[in-house]
């Protein structure tokens, strides 16, 4: 894997982690997500 590809992969992984963290700090999102998951069963 070349250096630009590795940098792009690390950047994408960091952006994904930050995005997930930002969703988890919003309580209303977590309540909505839990309700949607529960509705599947």
PDB file of N, CA and C in Angstrom:
ATOM      1  N   UNK A   1       0.858  -1.182   0.000  1.00  0.00           N
ATOM      2  CA  UNK A   1       0.000   0.000   0.000  1.00  0.00           C
ATOM      3  C   UNK A   1       0.896   1.234   0.000  1.00  0.00           C
ATOM      4  N   UNK A   2       0.637   2.134  -0.930  1.00  0.00           N
ATOM      5  CA  UNK A   2       1.471   3.336  -1.018  1.00  0.00           C
ATOM      6  C   UNK A   2       1.096   4.337   0.066  1.00  0.00           C
ATOM      7  N   UNK A   3       1.969   5.313   0.240  1.00  0.00           N
ATOM      8  CA  UNK A   3       1.760   6.289   1.314  1.00  0.00           C
ATOM      9  C   UNK A   3       0.462   7.093   1.142  1.00  0.00           C
ATOM     10  N   UNK A   4       0.126   7.575  -0.066  1.00  0.00           N
ATOM     11  CA  UNK A   4      -1.157   8.305  -0.207  1.00  0.00           C
ATOM     12  C   UNK A   4      -2.377   7.436   0.090  1.00  0.00           C
ATOM     13  N   UNK A   5      -2.322   6.175  -0.298  1.00  0.00           N
ATOM     14  CA  UNK A   5      -3.440   5.280  -0.020  1.00  0.00           C
ATOM     15  C   UNK A   5      -3.579   5.030   1.476  1.00  0.00           C
ATOM     16  N   UNK A   6      -2.448   4.870   2.152  1.00  0.00           N
ATOM     17  CA  UNK A   6      -2.474   4.646   3.594  1.00  0.00           C
ATOM     18  C   UNK A   6      -3.016   5.893   4.301  1.00  0.00           C
ATOM     19  N   UNK A   7      -2.595   7.061   3.857  1.00  0.00           N
ATOM     20  CA  UNK A   7      -3.084   8.309   4.453  1.00  0.00           C
ATOM     21  C   UNK A   7      -4.584   8.454   4.244  1.00  0.00           C
ATOM     22  N   UNK A   8      -5.062   8.106   3.065  1.00  0.00           N
ATOM     23  CA  UNK A   8      -6.495   8.174   2.776  1.00  0.00           C
ATOM     24  C   UNK A   8      -7.270   7.181   3.643  1.00  0.00           C
ATOM     25  N   UNK A   9      -6.727   5.987   3.824  1.00  0.00           N
ATOM     26  CA  UNK A   9      -7.395   4.984   4.651  1.00  0.00           C
ATOM     27  C   UNK A   9      -7.467   5.430   6.112  1.00  0.00           C
ATOM     28  N   UNK A  10      -6.360   5.974   6.639  1.00  0.00           N
ATOM     29  CA  UNK A  10      -6.368   6.474   8.010  1.00  0.00           C
ATOM     30  C   UNK A  10      -7.336   7.646   8.175  1.00  0.00           C
ATOM     31  N   UNK A  11      -7.374   8.523   7.191  1.00  0.00           N
ATOM     32  CA  UNK A  11      -8.288   9.665   7.254  1.00  0.00           C
ATOM     33  C   UNK A  11      -9.746   9.207   7.256  1.00  0.00           C
ATOM     34  N   UNK A  12     -10.063   8.224   6.430  1.00  0.00           N
ATOM     35  CA  UNK A  12     -11.423   7.711   6.386  1.00  0.00           C
ATOM     36  C   UNK A  12     -11.796   7.032   7.697  1.00  0.00           C
ATOM     37  N   UNK A  13     -10.859   6.289   8.286  1.00  0.00           N
ATOM     38  CA  UNK A  13     -11.134   5.614   9.553  1.00  0.00           C
ATOM     39  C   UNK A  13     -11.354   6.628  10.676  1.00  0.00           C
ATOM     40  N   UNK A  14     -10.535   7.667  10.715  1.00  0.00           N
ATOM     41  CA  UNK A  14     -10.676   8.700  11.743  1.00  0.00           C
ATOM     42  C   UNK A  14     -11.990   9.454  11.561  1.00  0.00           C
ATOM     43  N   UNK A  15     -12.341   9.787  10.328  1.00  0.00           N
ATOM     44  CA  UNK A  15     -13.599  10.493  10.066  1.00  0.00           C
ATOM     45  C   UNK A  15     -14.796   9.642  10.487  1.00  0.00           C
ATOM     46  N   UNK A  16     -14.736   8.338  10.234  1.00  0.00           N
ATOM     47  CA  UNK A  16     -15.816   7.442  10.647  1.00  0.00           C
ATOM     48  C   UNK A  16     -15.937   7.396  12.162  1.00  0.00           C
ATOM     49  N   UNK A  17     -14.809   7.285  12.854  1.00  0.00           N
ATOM     50  CA  UNK A  17     -14.832   7.246  14.323  1.00  0.00           C
ATOM     51  C   UNK A  17     -15.383   8.547  14.906  1.00  0.00           C
ATOM     52  N   UNK A  18     -14.983   9.676  14.358  1.00  0.00           N
ATOM     53  CA  UNK A  18     -15.487  10.966  14.844  1.00  0.00           C
ATOM     54  C   UNK A  18     -16.986  11.074  14.588  1.00  0.00           C
ATOM     55  N   UNK A  19     -17.435  10.643  13.417  1.00  0.00           N
ATOM     56  CA  UNK A  19     -18.859  10.678  13.108  1.00  0.00           C
ATOM     57  C   UNK A  19     -19.682   9.828  14.054  1.00  0.00           C
ATOM     58  N   UNK A  20     -19.210   8.634  14.358  1.00  0.00           N
ATOM     59  CA  UNK A  20     -19.920   7.756  15.294  1.00  0.00           C
ATOM     60  C   UNK A  20     -19.939   8.381  16.680  1.00  0.00           C
ATOM     61  N   UNK A  21     -18.812   8.947  17.117  1.00  0.00           N
ATOM     62  CA  UNK A  21     -18.757   9.600  18.427  1.00  0.00           C
ATOM     63  C   UNK A  21     -19.761  10.753  18.503  1.00  0.00           C
ATOM     64  N   UNK A  22     -19.847  11.556  17.453  1.00  0.00           N
ATOM     65  CA  UNK A  22     -20.777  12.692  17.470  1.00  0.00           C
ATOM     66  C   UNK A  22     -22.234  12.220  17.541  1.00  0.00           C
ATOM     67  N   UNK A  23     -22.537  11.079  16.930  1.00  0.00           N
ATOM     68  CA  UNK A  23     -23.906  10.556  17.028  1.00  0.00           C
ATOM     69  C   UNK A  23     -24.198  10.028  18.430  1.00  0.00           C
ATOM     70  N   UNK A  24     -23.221   9.415  19.073  1.00  0.00           N
ATOM     71  CA  UNK A  24     -23.446   8.826  20.391  1.00  0.00           C
ATOM     72  C   UNK A  24     -23.601   9.868  21.490  1.00  0.00           C
ATOM     73  N   UNK A  25     -23.119  11.099  21.283  1.00  0.00           N
ATOM     74  CA  UNK A  25     -23.270  12.107  22.336  1.00  0.00           C
ATOM     75  C   UNK A  25     -24.598  12.844  22.236  1.00  0.00           C
ATOM     76  N   UNK A  26     -25.422  12.467  21.265  1.00  0.00           N
ATOM     77  CA  UNK A  26     -26.765  13.052  21.142  1.00  0.00           C
ATOM     78  C   UNK A  26     -27.774  12.062  21.709  1.00  0.00           C
ATOM     79  N   UNK A  27     -28.296  12.306  22.916  1.00  0.00           N
ATOM     80  CA  UNK A  27     -29.200  11.335  23.551  1.00  0.00           C
ATOM     81  C   UNK A  27     -30.464  11.049  22.740  1.00  0.00           C
ATOM     82  N   UNK A  28     -31.027  12.052  22.084  1.00  0.00           N
ATOM     83  CA  UNK A  28     -32.261  11.825  21.330  1.00  0.00           C
ATOM     84  C   UNK A  28     -32.016  10.860  20.161  1.00  0.00           C
ATOM     85  N   UNK A  29     -30.826  10.909  19.590  1.00  0.00           N
ATOM     86  CA  UNK A  29     -30.497   9.959  18.521  1.00  0.00           C
ATOM     87  C   UNK A  29     -30.454   8.535  19.067  1.00  0.00           C
ATOM     88  N   UNK A  30     -29.860   8.373  20.226  1.00  0.00           N
ATOM     89  CA  UNK A  30     -29.747   7.037  20.811  1.00  0.00           C
ATOM     90  C   UNK A  30     -31.124   6.475  21.166  1.00  0.00           C
ATOM     91  N   UNK A  31     -32.030   7.321  21.660  1.00  0.00           N
ATOM     92  CA  UNK A  31     -33.386   6.862  21.983  1.00  0.00           C
ATOM     93  C   UNK A  31     -34.112   6.451  20.700  1.00  0.00           C
ATOM     94  N   UNK A  32     -33.974   7.234  19.659  1.00  0.00           N
ATOM     95  CA  UNK A  32     -34.603   6.909  18.374  1.00  0.00           C
ATOM     96  C   UNK A  32     -34.034   5.611  17.803  1.00  0.00           C
ATOM     97  N   UNK A  33     -32.715   5.473  17.857  1.00  0.00           N
ATOM     98  CA  UNK A  33     -32.076   4.266  17.345  1.00  0.00           C
ATOM     99  C   UNK A  33     -32.520   3.030  18.124  1.00  0.00           C
ATOM    100  N   UNK A  34     -32.595   3.138  19.433  1.00  0.00           N
ATOM    101  CA  UNK A  34     -33.039   2.013  20.263  1.00  0.00           C
ATOM    102  C   UNK A  34     -34.478   1.645  19.904  1.00  0.00           C
ATOM    103  N   UNK A  35     -35.334   2.636  19.718  1.00  0.00           N
ATOM    104  CA  UNK A  35     -36.728   2.372  19.334  1.00  0.00           C
ATOM    105  C   UNK A  35     -36.832   1.680  17.996  1.00  0.00           C
ATOM    106  N   UNK A  36     -36.019   2.099  17.031  1.00  0.00           N
ATOM    107  CA  UNK A  36     -36.053   1.475  15.719  1.00  0.00           C
ATOM    108  C   UNK A  36     -35.543   0.037  15.757  1.00  0.00           C
ATOM    109  N   UNK A  37     -34.491  -0.194  16.531  1.00  0.00           N
ATOM    110  CA  UNK A  37     -33.966  -1.560  16.652  1.00  0.00           C
ATOM    111  C   UNK A  37     -34.981  -2.460  17.347  1.00  0.00           C
ATOM    112  N   UNK A  38     -35.616  -1.942  18.407  1.00  0.00           N
ATOM    113  CA  UNK A  38     -36.606  -2.723  19.155  1.00  0.00           C
ATOM    114  C   UNK A  38     -37.817  -3.055  18.273  1.00  0.00           C
ATOM    115  N   UNK A  39     -38.165  -2.138  17.366  1.00  0.00           N
ATOM    116  CA  UNK A  39     -39.323  -2.363  16.494  1.00  0.00           C
ATOM    117  C   UNK A  39     -39.097  -3.506  15.509  1.00  0.00           C
ATOM    118  N   UNK A  40     -37.850  -3.895  15.300  1.00  0.00           N
ATOM    119  CA  UNK A  40     -37.552  -4.997  14.376  1.00  0.00           C
ATOM    120  C   UNK A  40     -37.928  -6.354  14.975  1.00  0.00           C
ATOM    121  N   UNK A  41     -38.109  -6.436  16.289  1.00  0.00           N
ATOM    122  CA  UNK A  41     -38.367  -7.721  16.938  1.00  0.00           C
ATOM    123  C   UNK A  41     -39.780  -7.895  17.401  1.00  0.00           C
TER     124      UNK A  41
END
